Amino acid sequence: MKKQNHKEIENSAQFNMLLNNVYKYFKYFTDVNVSVDEVNSYMNNIRKCRQTICLTLINGSWIRICSSEKEYQLEIASIGVVPKDQNKGYGKYLMKLVISFVKDTLGYIPSFMLECTGCLIVKGIVLKNSIQNQTRFFRKFGFRVTSKKGYPHYVKMELVFSELNNLSWTNFNLYQYNYNQVA
């Protein structure tokens, strides 16, 4: 059995600012439950432990963000839409929620990254979603593949700022949009 290494990911100043404002920001969102949790992830025999902000909709769909290993970067740690509600706009709503929250809190959209693995493990259940589907979804929000090391089992994506100007949702006002308009 291989020895597993442990790596604690420290919160960045940006992420700490988000932590300090998340409950106040979502106070009047009746469709969003906010939680702050410590989450472990595993990659290449390394266990990464970090604090995360999770936004969960009333249907059980969620998005989780955290500090990245790079100092001035945030990570979308996971996003999941319950199977019965897939392809109905909930994933798009979750992305808009988190990006708007970050932009409104920090005053700008920082660097973001995410990892596509082709599946997500939730409460011991493996939910499969091809890397092609995952990258297609995130491309709609300005993310581009930056590393194919490990393809076809893994790709890394980062937000490309030049793409943001081409996206109509960046001027999105959450207060004029709610969960009930999604489905």
C-alpha atoms as a PDB file:
ATOM      1  CA  MET A   1       0.000   0.000   0.000  1.00  0.00           C
ATOM      2  CA  LYS A   2       1.372   3.405  -1.004  1.00  0.00           C
ATOM      3  CA  LYS A   3       1.772   6.065   1.631  1.00  0.00           C
ATOM      4  CA  GLN A   4      -0.615   8.945   1.173  1.00  0.00           C
ATOM      5  CA  ASN A   5       0.743  12.484   1.475  1.00  0.00           C
ATOM      6  CA  HIS A   6      -1.310  15.247   3.061  1.00  0.00           C
ATOM      7  CA  LYS A   7      -1.397  18.825   1.797  1.00  0.00           C
ATOM      8  CA  GLU A   8      -3.290  21.597   3.604  1.00  0.00           C
ATOM      9  CA  ILE A   9      -4.423  24.319   1.189  1.00  0.00           C
ATOM     10  CA  GLU A  10      -4.404  27.700   2.938  1.00  0.00           C
ATOM     11  CA  ASN A  11      -7.175  30.209   2.287  1.00  0.00           C
ATOM     12  CA  SER A  12      -6.162  33.128   0.095  1.00  0.00           C
ATOM     13  CA  ALA A  13      -7.045  36.712   1.064  1.00  0.00           C
ATOM     14  CA  GLN A  14      -9.663  36.641  -1.717  1.00  0.00           C
ATOM     15  CA  PHE A  15     -11.272  33.501  -0.364  1.00  0.00           C
ATOM     16  CA  ASN A  16     -11.263  34.864   3.194  1.00  0.00           C
ATOM     17  CA  MET A  17     -13.123  37.941   1.926  1.00  0.00           C
ATOM     18  CA  LEU A  18     -15.700  35.647   0.316  1.00  0.00           C
ATOM     19  CA  LEU A  19     -16.021  33.670   3.562  1.00  0.00           C
ATOM     20  CA  ASN A  20     -16.627  36.873   5.505  1.00  0.00           C
ATOM     21  CA  ASN A  21     -19.424  37.961   3.157  1.00  0.00           C
ATOM     22  CA  VAL A  22     -21.133  34.782   1.940  1.00  0.00           C
ATOM     23  CA  TYR A  23     -23.905  34.580   4.545  1.00  0.00           C
ATOM     24  CA  LYS A  24     -24.723  38.285   4.281  1.00  0.00           C
ATOM     25  CA  TYR A  25     -24.742  38.172   0.462  1.00  0.00           C
ATOM     26  CA  PHE A  26     -27.147  35.230   0.253  1.00  0.00           C
ATOM     27  CA  LYS A  27     -29.301  36.270   3.227  1.00  0.00           C
ATOM     28  CA  TYR A  28     -32.349  37.035   1.065  1.00  0.00           C
ATOM     29  CA  PHE A  29     -31.945  34.197  -1.442  1.00  0.00           C
ATOM     30  CA  THR A  30     -34.704  31.797  -0.412  1.00  0.00           C
ATOM     31  CA  ASP A  31     -33.576  29.223  -2.971  1.00  0.00           C
ATOM     32  CA  VAL A  32     -29.925  28.981  -1.837  1.00  0.00           C
ATOM     33  CA  ASN A  33     -28.520  27.261   1.240  1.00  0.00           C
ATOM     34  CA  VAL A  34     -24.969  28.304   2.171  1.00  0.00           C
ATOM     35  CA  SER A  35     -22.504  26.077   3.980  1.00  0.00           C
ATOM     36  CA  VAL A  36     -18.815  26.359   4.769  1.00  0.00           C
ATOM     37  CA  ASP A  37     -17.106  22.987   5.015  1.00  0.00           C
ATOM     38  CA  GLU A  38     -13.687  21.410   5.078  1.00  0.00           C
ATOM     39  CA  VAL A  39     -13.311  19.030   2.159  1.00  0.00           C
ATOM     40  CA  ASN A  40     -10.695  16.444   1.243  1.00  0.00           C
ATOM     41  CA  SER A  41      -9.838  15.640  -2.349  1.00  0.00           C
ATOM     42  CA  TYR A  42      -7.460  12.993  -3.644  1.00  0.00           C
ATOM     43  CA  MET A  43      -5.187  13.165  -6.660  1.00  0.00           C
ATOM     44  CA  ASN A  44      -2.008  11.181  -7.368  1.00  0.00           C
ATOM     45  CA  ASN A  45      -1.872   9.775  -3.815  1.00  0.00           C
ATOM     46  CA  ILE A  46      -2.035  13.248  -2.309  1.00  0.00           C
ATOM     47  CA  ARG A  47      -4.886  14.162  -0.001  1.00  0.00           C
ATOM     48  CA  LYS A  48      -5.686  17.866  -0.248  1.00  0.00           C
ATOM     49  CA  CYS A  49      -7.609  19.394   2.620  1.00  0.00           C
ATOM     50  CA  ARG A  50      -9.236  22.810   2.245  1.00  0.00           C
ATOM     51  CA  GLN A  51     -12.094  25.002   3.342  1.00  0.00           C
ATOM     52  CA  THR A  52     -14.918  25.445   0.826  1.00  0.00           C
ATOM     53  CA  ILE A  53     -18.054  27.490   0.292  1.00  0.00           C
ATOM     54  CA  CYS A  54     -20.972  25.411  -0.955  1.00  0.00           C
ATOM     55  CA  LEU A  55     -24.137  26.908  -2.445  1.00  0.00           C
ATOM     56  CA  THR A  56     -26.952  24.360  -2.572  1.00  0.00           C
ATOM     57  CA  LEU A  57     -30.291  24.894  -4.314  1.00  0.00           C
ATOM     58  CA  ILE A  58     -33.545  23.613  -2.844  1.00  0.00           C
ATOM     59  CA  ASN A  59     -33.574  20.754  -5.380  1.00  0.00           C
ATOM     60  CA  GLY A  60     -30.201  19.486  -4.043  1.00  0.00           C
ATOM     61  CA  SER A  61     -27.992  20.788  -6.880  1.00  0.00           C
ATOM     62  CA  TRP A  62     -24.812  22.539  -5.709  1.00  0.00           C
ATOM     63  CA  ILE A  63     -21.607  24.367  -6.545  1.00  0.00           C
ATOM     64  CA  ARG A  64     -18.533  24.388  -4.307  1.00  0.00           C
ATOM     65  CA  ILE A  65     -15.641  26.880  -4.508  1.00  0.00           C
ATOM     66  CA  CYS A  66     -12.346  27.135  -2.636  1.00  0.00           C
ATOM     67  CA  SER A  67      -8.875  28.607  -2.766  1.00  0.00           C
ATOM     68  CA  SER A  68      -6.647  27.163  -5.453  1.00  0.00           C
ATOM     69  CA  GLU A  69      -3.055  26.147  -4.884  1.00  0.00           C
ATOM     70  CA  LYS A  70      -2.105  29.340  -6.741  1.00  0.00           C
ATOM     71  CA  GLU A  71      -2.272  32.355  -4.430  1.00  0.00           C
ATOM     72  CA  TYR A  72      -4.530  34.632  -6.487  1.00  0.00           C
ATOM     73  CA  GLN A  73      -6.770  31.993  -7.971  1.00  0.00           C
ATOM     74  CA  LEU A  74     -10.064  30.429  -6.920  1.00  0.00           C
ATOM     75  CA  GLU A  75     -11.176  26.924  -7.794  1.00  0.00           C
ATOM     76  CA  ILE A  76     -14.549  25.503  -8.656  1.00  0.00           C
ATOM     77  CA  ALA A  77     -14.120  22.334  -6.622  1.00  0.00           C
ATOM     78  CA  SER A  78     -17.355  20.718  -7.770  1.00  0.00           C
ATOM     79  CA  ILE A  79     -20.698  21.395  -9.348  1.00  0.00           C
ATOM     80  CA  GLY A  80     -23.532  18.919  -9.500  1.00  0.00           C
ATOM     81  CA  VAL A  81     -27.085  18.982 -10.744  1.00  0.00           C
ATOM     82  CA  VAL A  82     -29.418  16.275  -9.504  1.00  0.00           C
ATOM     83  CA  PRO A  83     -30.136  13.814 -12.355  1.00  0.00           C
ATOM     84  CA  LYS A  84     -33.875  14.615 -12.653  1.00  0.00           C
ATOM     85  CA  ASP A  85     -33.067  18.311 -13.171  1.00  0.00           C
ATOM     86  CA  GLN A  86     -30.168  18.069 -15.633  1.00  0.00           C
ATOM     87  CA  ASN A  87     -30.385  20.078 -18.862  1.00  0.00           C
ATOM     88  CA  LYS A  88     -32.928  22.485 -17.343  1.00  0.00           C
ATOM     89  CA  GLY A  89     -30.624  25.437 -16.616  1.00  0.00           C
ATOM     90  CA  TYR A  90     -29.681  24.707 -12.998  1.00  0.00           C
ATOM     91  CA  GLY A  91     -25.969  24.318 -13.747  1.00  0.00           C
ATOM     92  CA  LYS A  92     -26.000  27.657 -15.565  1.00  0.00           C
ATOM     93  CA  TYR A  93     -27.830  29.252 -12.622  1.00  0.00           C
ATOM     94  CA  LEU A  94     -25.237  27.874 -10.167  1.00  0.00           C
ATOM     95  CA  MET A  95     -22.366  29.222 -12.268  1.00  0.00           C
ATOM     96  CA  LYS A  96     -24.047  32.624 -12.460  1.00  0.00           C
ATOM     97  CA  LEU A  97     -24.657  32.582  -8.704  1.00  0.00           C
ATOM     98  CA  VAL A  98     -21.033  31.938  -7.829  1.00  0.00           C
ATOM     99  CA  ILE A  99     -19.455  34.246 -10.410  1.00  0.00           C
ATOM    100  CA  SER A 100     -21.861  37.085  -9.500  1.00  0.00           C
ATOM    101  CA  PHE A 101     -21.199  36.566  -5.780  1.00  0.00           C
ATOM    102  CA  VAL A 102     -17.437  36.657  -6.335  1.00  0.00           C
ATOM    103  CA  LYS A 103     -17.604  39.694  -8.634  1.00  0.00           C
ATOM    104  CA  ASP A 104     -19.928  41.629  -6.312  1.00  0.00           C
ATOM    105  CA  THR A 105     -17.856  40.793  -3.219  1.00  0.00           C
ATOM    106  CA  LEU A 106     -14.355  41.344  -4.616  1.00  0.00           C
ATOM    107  CA  GLY A 107     -15.245  44.015  -7.166  1.00  0.00           C
ATOM    108  CA  TYR A 108     -13.738  41.952  -9.990  1.00  0.00           C
ATOM    109  CA  ILE A 109     -13.629  38.402 -11.319  1.00  0.00           C
ATOM    110  CA  PRO A 110     -10.346  36.760 -10.279  1.00  0.00           C
ATOM    111  CA  SER A 111      -8.591  33.886 -11.949  1.00  0.00           C
ATOM    112  CA  PHE A 112     -10.551  30.620 -11.668  1.00  0.00           C
ATOM    113  CA  MET A 113      -9.562  27.045 -12.391  1.00  0.00           C
ATOM    114  CA  LEU A 114     -11.277  23.671 -12.282  1.00  0.00           C
ATOM    115  CA  GLU A 115     -10.530  20.047 -13.003  1.00  0.00           C
ATOM    116  CA  CYS A 116     -12.652  17.779 -15.198  1.00  0.00           C
ATOM    117  CA  THR A 117     -12.374  14.094 -14.332  1.00  0.00           C
ATOM    118  CA  GLY A 118     -15.366  12.586 -16.104  1.00  0.00           C
ATOM    119  CA  CYS A 119     -17.123  11.790 -12.848  1.00  0.00           C
ATOM    120  CA  LEU A 120     -18.070  13.103  -9.440  1.00  0.00           C
ATOM    121  CA  ILE A 121     -18.308  11.086  -6.229  1.00  0.00           C
ATOM    122  CA  VAL A 122     -21.222  12.167  -4.036  1.00  0.00           C
ATOM    123  CA  LYS A 123     -21.885  10.344  -0.768  1.00  0.00           C
ATOM    124  CA  GLY A 124     -20.099   7.287  -2.129  1.00  0.00           C
ATOM    125  CA  ILE A 125     -22.038   7.284  -5.410  1.00  0.00           C
ATOM    126  CA  VAL A 126     -20.123   7.800  -8.660  1.00  0.00           C
ATOM    127  CA  LEU A 127     -21.926  10.133 -11.059  1.00  0.00           C
ATOM    128  CA  LYS A 128     -20.428   9.864 -14.533  1.00  0.00           C
ATOM    129  CA  ASN A 129     -20.329  12.756 -16.974  1.00  0.00           C
ATOM    130  CA  SER A 130     -17.859  12.647 -19.845  1.00  0.00           C
ATOM    131  CA  ILE A 131     -14.966  15.073 -19.950  1.00  0.00           C
ATOM    132  CA  GLN A 132     -16.283  16.250 -23.321  1.00  0.00           C
ATOM    133  CA  ASN A 133     -19.647  17.177 -21.727  1.00  0.00           C
ATOM    134  CA  GLN A 134     -17.922  18.859 -18.796  1.00  0.00           C
ATOM    135  CA  THR A 135     -15.589  20.967 -20.948  1.00  0.00           C
ATOM    136  CA  ARG A 136     -18.466  21.906 -23.299  1.00  0.00           C
ATOM    137  CA  PHE A 137     -20.444  23.195 -20.292  1.00  0.00           C
ATOM    138  CA  PHE A 138     -17.589  25.242 -18.816  1.00  0.00           C
ATOM    139  CA  ARG A 139     -16.592  26.724 -22.185  1.00  0.00           C
ATOM    140  CA  LYS A 140     -19.937  28.606 -22.106  1.00  0.00           C
ATOM    141  CA  PHE A 141     -18.552  30.551 -19.137  1.00  0.00           C
ATOM    142  CA  GLY A 142     -15.169  31.485 -20.608  1.00  0.00           C
ATOM    143  CA  PHE A 143     -13.143  28.480 -19.382  1.00  0.00           C
ATOM    144  CA  ARG A 144     -10.596  26.872 -21.687  1.00  0.00           C
ATOM    145  CA  VAL A 145      -8.544  23.680 -21.366  1.00  0.00           C
ATOM    146  CA  THR A 146      -5.048  24.574 -20.158  1.00  0.00           C
ATOM    147  CA  SER A 147      -3.685  21.087 -19.486  1.00  0.00           C
ATOM    148  CA  LYS A 148      -4.493  17.759 -21.097  1.00  0.00           C
ATOM    149  CA  LYS A 149      -1.946  15.926 -18.987  1.00  0.00           C
ATOM    150  CA  GLY A 150      -3.812  12.793 -17.987  1.00  0.00           C
ATOM    151  CA  TYR A 151      -6.328  12.945 -20.856  1.00  0.00           C
ATOM    152  CA  PRO A 152      -8.740  11.156 -21.375  1.00  0.00           C
ATOM    153  CA  HIS A 153      -9.184  10.817 -17.596  1.00  0.00           C
ATOM    154  CA  TYR A 154      -8.400  14.388 -16.591  1.00  0.00           C
ATOM    155  CA  VAL A 155      -8.139  17.928 -17.980  1.00  0.00           C
ATOM    156  CA  LYS A 156      -7.549  21.234 -16.259  1.00  0.00           C
ATOM    157  CA  MET A 157      -9.475  24.352 -17.295  1.00  0.00           C
ATOM    158  CA  GLU A 158      -8.936  28.010 -16.450  1.00  0.00           C
ATOM    159  CA  LEU A 159     -11.063  31.091 -16.934  1.00  0.00           C
ATOM    160  CA  VAL A 160      -9.789  33.081 -19.923  1.00  0.00           C
ATOM    161  CA  PHE A 161     -10.463  36.752 -19.245  1.00  0.00           C
ATOM    162  CA  SER A 162     -10.564  37.760 -22.906  1.00  0.00           C
ATOM    163  CA  GLU A 163     -13.590  35.460 -23.262  1.00  0.00           C
ATOM    164  CA  LEU A 164     -15.575  37.270 -20.546  1.00  0.00           C
ATOM    165  CA  ASN A 165     -16.322  40.269 -22.771  1.00  0.00           C
ATOM    166  CA  ASN A 166     -18.025  37.961 -25.261  1.00  0.00           C
ATOM    167  CA  LEU A 167     -20.388  36.476 -22.697  1.00  0.00           C
ATOM    168  CA  SER A 168     -23.808  38.064 -22.260  1.00  0.00           C
ATOM    169  CA  TRP A 169     -24.250  36.711 -18.729  1.00  0.00           C
ATOM    170  CA  THR A 170     -21.399  38.759 -17.223  1.00  0.00           C
ATOM    171  CA  ASN A 171     -23.801  41.691 -16.743  1.00  0.00           C
ATOM    172  CA  PHE A 172     -26.261  39.319 -15.130  1.00  0.00           C
ATOM    173  CA  ASN A 173     -28.361  40.679 -12.226  1.00  0.00           C
ATOM    174  CA  LEU A 174     -29.229  37.912  -9.765  1.00  0.00           C
ATOM    175  CA  TYR A 175     -31.869  40.006  -8.079  1.00  0.00           C
ATOM    176  CA  GLN A 176     -33.929  39.913 -11.290  1.00  0.00           C
ATOM    177  CA  TYR A 177     -33.510  36.131 -11.668  1.00  0.00           C
ATOM    178  CA  ASN A 178     -34.462  33.376  -9.306  1.00  0.00           C
ATOM    179  CA  TYR A 179     -34.622  29.630  -8.942  1.00  0.00           C
ATOM    180  CA  ASN A 180     -38.264  29.432 -10.033  1.00  0.00           C
ATOM    181  CA  GLN A 181     -37.375  30.910 -13.438  1.00  0.00           C
ATOM    182  CA  VAL A 182     -34.814  28.184 -14.167  1.00  0.00           C
ATOM    183  CA  ALA A 183     -36.977  25.163 -14.976  1.00  0.00           C
END
